[in-house]
């Protein structure tokens, strides 16, 4: 309870520092030029920020997912999504993160994931948390400014990726993305209709596509990209089924 209270106070403090007249991730004096997709993503992220501040984490996640869908290169949306997903585990995550000790956290969540006394849904949630951290491990490397470049082709934004100068960083990202994909498949096996699990499968496949491009393996990049497209389609189908189900809250 104490850790949860600290998180709430911290979130309140964070939002209190922000100028309410500006988008959540924009500071005074900035006048960026945005494409229509970036502007739509900005509006969705502003909605996500408000929902998060109000404690409506499910709504914040949905808004952030919309932002990422219209602007896949957006750097803020994935973090909103990850934080919303980890809400159920926020107290233990906070405690371990505060002391920069990741291994006890992974061990605690992993024990929950393999414990048959928990429901399949709860175990799947634990696997998703583990996979989300592996995704974050890869994403922080592949999305460094030095690792990609952006061009506009026929009015569309294209992002291209290049391998880090440090081979160890590339190997770390590969390991995290590959392990994360295995873990998220475990979540899907337990909860085939988990929208969140399929979302993270999409994100991890996209990480592997980036890493394949970095390795100059374009056929593999195409394969992972196609798999990510299929996973995103499954995510959308699950979302539509849930929205149409009786008793679903709009």
Protein backbone atom coordinates (compact mmCIF):
# COMPACT_ATOMS: atom_id res chain seq x y z
CA UNK A 1 0.00 0.00 0.00
CA UNK A 2 2.86 2.38 0.83
CA UNK A 3 4.47 1.78 -2.57
CA UNK A 4 1.16 2.41 -4.35
CA UNK A 5 0.73 5.66 -2.43
CA UNK A 6 4.23 6.75 -3.43
CA UNK A 7 3.41 6.05 -7.08
CA UNK A 8 0.19 8.03 -6.93
CA UNK A 9 1.94 10.96 -5.27
CA UNK A 10 4.76 10.75 -7.82
CA UNK A 11 2.35 10.72 -10.76
CA UNK A 12 0.43 13.64 -9.28
CA UNK A 13 3.67 15.57 -8.86
CA UNK A 14 4.72 14.81 -12.45
CA UNK A 15 1.49 16.09 -13.91
CA UNK A 16 1.47 19.11 -11.58
CA UNK A 17 4.79 20.24 -13.08
CA UNK A 18 3.39 20.22 -16.61
CA UNK A 19 1.89 23.32 -18.18
CA UNK A 20 -1.77 22.35 -18.76
CA UNK A 21 -1.87 24.54 -21.82
CA UNK A 22 0.71 22.39 -23.59
CA UNK A 23 0.64 18.77 -24.80
CA UNK A 24 1.97 16.40 -22.16
CA UNK A 25 5.23 15.73 -23.97
CA UNK A 26 5.81 19.29 -25.28
CA UNK A 27 7.51 22.08 -23.36
CA UNK A 28 7.10 25.81 -23.69
CA UNK A 29 8.78 27.41 -26.67
CA UNK A 30 8.56 24.32 -28.90
CA UNK A 31 6.79 24.72 -32.25
CA UNK A 32 7.40 21.40 -34.04
CA UNK A 33 6.12 20.79 -37.55
CA UNK A 34 3.96 17.69 -37.53
CA UNK A 35 2.48 15.47 -40.21
CA UNK A 36 -1.27 14.74 -39.97
CA UNK A 37 -0.47 11.33 -38.46
CA UNK A 38 1.82 12.90 -35.85
CA UNK A 39 -0.84 15.46 -34.96
CA UNK A 40 -3.47 12.73 -34.53
CA UNK A 41 -1.04 10.75 -32.37
CA UNK A 42 -0.35 13.87 -30.29
CA UNK A 43 -4.05 14.30 -29.59
CA UNK A 44 -4.43 10.64 -28.58
CA UNK A 45 -1.42 10.92 -26.25
CA UNK A 46 -2.86 14.01 -24.62
CA UNK A 47 -6.01 11.98 -23.93
CA UNK A 48 -3.85 9.13 -22.63
CA UNK A 49 -2.00 11.51 -20.30
CA UNK A 50 -5.26 12.81 -18.85
CA UNK A 51 -6.65 9.28 -18.39
CA UNK A 52 -3.41 8.17 -16.71
CA UNK A 53 -3.45 11.14 -14.36
CA UNK A 54 -7.05 10.30 -13.42
CA UNK A 55 -6.10 6.67 -12.69
CA UNK A 56 -8.01 5.30 -15.69
CA UNK A 57 -5.19 3.10 -16.91
CA UNK A 58 -7.26 0.97 -19.30
CA UNK A 59 -8.43 4.07 -21.15
CA UNK A 60 -4.89 5.48 -21.17
CA UNK A 61 -3.65 2.24 -22.75
CA UNK A 62 -6.31 2.35 -25.48
CA UNK A 63 -5.52 5.98 -26.33
CA UNK A 64 -1.79 5.28 -26.45
CA UNK A 65 -2.38 2.26 -28.70
CA UNK A 66 -4.36 4.46 -31.10
CA UNK A 67 -1.46 6.92 -31.13
CA UNK A 68 1.01 4.15 -31.95
CA UNK A 69 -1.26 2.78 -34.69
CA UNK A 70 -1.44 6.10 -36.55
CA UNK A 71 2.24 6.98 -35.91
CA UNK A 72 4.37 3.82 -35.41
CA UNK A 73 7.53 5.93 -35.03
CA UNK A 74 6.12 7.73 -31.98
CA UNK A 75 8.47 7.26 -29.02
CA UNK A 76 6.02 8.15 -26.24
CA UNK A 77 3.10 5.84 -26.97
CA UNK A 78 4.86 2.52 -26.20
CA UNK A 79 5.82 3.75 -22.74
CA UNK A 80 2.23 4.73 -21.93
CA UNK A 81 1.15 1.25 -23.05
CA UNK A 82 3.79 -0.51 -21.00
CA UNK A 83 3.01 1.49 -17.86
CA UNK A 84 -0.71 0.80 -18.16
CA UNK A 85 -0.10 -2.93 -18.57
CA UNK A 86 2.17 -3.04 -15.55
CA UNK A 87 -0.37 -1.24 -13.35
CA UNK A 88 -1.40 -4.52 -11.72
CA UNK A 89 2.20 -5.01 -10.62
CA UNK A 90 3.09 -1.40 -9.87
CA UNK A 91 3.91 -1.76 -6.19
CA UNK A 92 6.44 -4.57 -6.62
CA UNK A 93 7.81 -2.99 -9.81
CA UNK A 94 8.31 0.30 -7.98
CA UNK A 95 10.10 -1.29 -5.06
CA UNK A 96 12.60 -3.15 -7.20
CA UNK A 97 13.07 -0.32 -9.69
CA UNK A 98 13.81 2.06 -6.85
CA UNK A 99 16.89 0.05 -5.94
CA UNK A 100 17.80 -0.67 -9.59
CA UNK A 101 17.50 -4.40 -8.95
CA UNK A 102 15.85 -6.07 -11.93
CA UNK A 103 16.62 -9.73 -11.22
CA UNK A 104 14.48 -10.07 -8.05
CA UNK A 105 11.60 -8.46 -9.94
CA UNK A 106 11.89 -10.89 -12.83
CA UNK A 107 12.14 -13.80 -10.41
CA UNK A 108 9.03 -12.66 -8.49
CA UNK A 109 6.97 -12.21 -11.66
CA UNK A 110 8.28 -15.45 -13.20
CA UNK A 111 7.29 -17.45 -10.11
CA UNK A 112 3.79 -16.03 -10.48
CA UNK A 113 3.78 -16.89 -14.19
CA UNK A 114 4.57 -20.59 -13.62
CA UNK A 115 2.51 -21.05 -10.46
CA UNK A 116 -0.45 -23.32 -11.31
CA UNK A 117 -2.38 -22.08 -8.28
CA UNK A 118 -3.00 -18.85 -10.18
CA UNK A 119 -5.55 -18.67 -12.97
CA UNK A 120 -4.37 -18.87 -16.58
CA UNK A 121 -5.35 -15.23 -17.01
CA UNK A 122 -3.17 -14.09 -14.08
CA UNK A 123 -0.28 -16.24 -15.23
CA UNK A 124 -0.60 -14.79 -18.72
CA UNK A 125 -0.51 -11.28 -17.27
CA UNK A 126 2.75 -12.14 -15.52
CA UNK A 127 4.28 -13.45 -18.75
CA UNK A 128 3.19 -10.23 -20.48
CA UNK A 129 4.99 -8.16 -17.83
CA UNK A 130 8.18 -10.15 -18.41
CA UNK A 131 7.85 -9.85 -22.19
CA UNK A 132 7.21 -6.11 -21.91
CA UNK A 133 10.52 -5.65 -20.11
CA UNK A 134 12.32 -7.62 -22.81
CA UNK A 135 10.64 -5.45 -25.44
CA UNK A 136 11.78 -2.34 -23.55
CA UNK A 137 15.34 -3.72 -23.41
CA UNK A 138 15.43 -4.01 -27.22
CA UNK A 139 13.45 -0.83 -27.93
CA UNK A 140 15.83 1.35 -25.92
CA UNK A 141 18.66 0.20 -28.19
CA UNK A 142 16.97 0.14 -31.60
CA UNK A 143 15.35 3.55 -31.11
CA UNK A 144 18.50 5.43 -30.14
CA UNK A 145 18.88 8.43 -32.48
CA UNK A 146 22.14 6.98 -33.79
CA UNK A 147 20.45 3.72 -34.80
CA UNK A 148 17.88 4.98 -37.28
CA UNK A 149 17.10 7.65 -39.83
CA UNK A 150 13.80 8.98 -41.17
CA UNK A 151 12.99 9.95 -44.75
CA UNK A 152 9.82 11.09 -46.53
CA UNK A 153 8.98 9.06 -49.63
CA UNK A 154 5.91 10.07 -51.65
CA UNK A 155 4.53 11.86 -48.64
CA UNK A 156 5.01 8.88 -46.32
CA UNK A 157 7.49 8.63 -43.48
CA UNK A 158 9.96 5.75 -43.69
CA UNK A 159 12.31 4.74 -40.89
CA UNK A 160 15.50 2.78 -41.60
CA UNK A 161 17.69 1.11 -38.98
CA UNK A 162 21.42 0.57 -38.71
CA UNK A 163 23.45 -1.67 -36.42
CA UNK A 164 24.99 -0.15 -33.26
CA UNK A 165 28.72 0.47 -33.35
CA UNK A 166 29.06 -1.60 -30.19
CA UNK A 167 28.41 -5.27 -31.14
CA UNK A 168 27.42 -6.03 -27.54
CA UNK A 169 24.46 -3.66 -27.78
CA UNK A 170 23.20 -5.38 -30.92
CA UNK A 171 23.52 -8.82 -29.32
CA UNK A 172 21.70 -7.59 -26.21
CA UNK A 173 18.80 -6.26 -28.29
CA UNK A 174 18.63 -9.52 -30.26
CA UNK A 175 18.59 -11.59 -27.09
CA UNK A 176 15.92 -9.46 -25.43
CA UNK A 177 13.63 -9.46 -28.47
CA UNK A 178 14.01 -13.22 -29.07
CA UNK A 179 13.45 -14.11 -25.41
CA UNK A 180 10.53 -11.72 -25.22
CA UNK A 181 8.86 -13.39 -28.19
CA UNK A 182 9.18 -16.81 -26.52
CA UNK A 183 7.72 -15.44 -23.31
CA UNK A 184 4.80 -13.72 -25.02
CA UNK A 185 3.96 -16.96 -26.83
CA UNK A 186 3.68 -18.57 -23.38
CA UNK A 187 1.19 -15.86 -22.43
CA UNK A 188 -0.84 -16.46 -25.58
CA UNK A 189 -0.88 -20.21 -24.95
CA UNK A 190 -2.46 -19.51 -21.56
CA UNK A 191 -4.80 -16.75 -22.74
CA UNK A 192 -5.34 -16.91 -26.52
CA UNK A 193 -7.79 -13.99 -26.39
CA UNK A 194 -5.48 -11.67 -24.45
CA UNK A 195 -5.46 -8.46 -26.45
CA UNK A 196 -2.44 -7.20 -24.51
CA UNK A 197 -0.42 -10.34 -25.20
CA UNK A 198 -1.07 -10.06 -28.94
CA UNK A 199 -0.15 -6.39 -28.84
CA UNK A 200 3.21 -7.22 -27.32
CA UNK A 201 3.72 -10.01 -29.82
CA UNK A 202 3.28 -7.35 -32.51
CA UNK A 203 5.79 -5.04 -30.83
CA UNK A 204 8.39 -7.79 -30.34
CA UNK A 205 8.08 -8.95 -33.95
CA UNK A 206 8.64 -5.36 -35.06
CA UNK A 207 11.77 -5.26 -32.89
CA UNK A 208 13.03 -8.41 -34.59
CA UNK A 209 12.25 -6.83 -37.97
CA UNK A 210 14.37 -3.80 -37.06
CA UNK A 211 17.22 -6.01 -35.90
CA UNK A 212 17.04 -8.06 -39.11
CA UNK A 213 17.38 -4.85 -41.12
CA UNK A 214 20.37 -3.90 -38.97
CA UNK A 215 21.91 -7.26 -39.86
CA UNK A 216 21.16 -6.63 -43.57
CA UNK A 217 18.87 -9.67 -43.66
CA UNK A 218 16.05 -8.09 -45.65
CA UNK A 219 14.11 -11.33 -46.34
CA UNK A 220 13.98 -12.00 -42.58
CA UNK A 221 12.93 -8.41 -41.95
CA UNK A 222 10.05 -8.90 -44.38
CA UNK A 223 9.06 -12.16 -42.69
CA UNK A 224 8.98 -10.59 -39.23
CA UNK A 225 7.11 -7.55 -40.57
CA UNK A 226 4.47 -9.81 -42.12
CA UNK A 227 4.15 -11.74 -38.86
CA UNK A 228 3.75 -8.45 -36.98
CA UNK A 229 1.00 -7.40 -39.40
CA UNK A 230 -0.79 -10.70 -38.79
CA UNK A 231 -0.43 -10.30 -35.01
CA UNK A 232 -1.80 -6.76 -35.18
CA UNK A 233 -4.75 -8.06 -37.19
CA UNK A 234 -5.43 -10.67 -34.51
CA UNK A 235 -5.23 -7.94 -31.86
CA UNK A 236 -7.81 -5.88 -33.73
CA UNK A 237 -10.12 -8.88 -34.15
CA UNK A 238 -9.98 -9.64 -30.42
CA UNK A 239 -10.72 -5.99 -29.62
CA UNK A 240 -13.74 -6.01 -31.95
CA UNK A 241 -15.09 -9.23 -30.41
CA UNK A 242 -14.76 -7.81 -26.93
CA UNK A 243 -16.42 -4.56 -27.95
CA UNK A 244 -19.35 -6.48 -29.45
CA UNK A 245 -19.74 -8.84 -26.50
CA UNK A 246 -22.84 -8.37 -24.32
CA UNK A 247 -22.15 -6.38 -21.19
CA UNK A 248 -19.03 -4.74 -22.60
CA UNK A 249 -18.47 -1.28 -21.20
CA UNK A 250 -17.91 1.19 -24.05
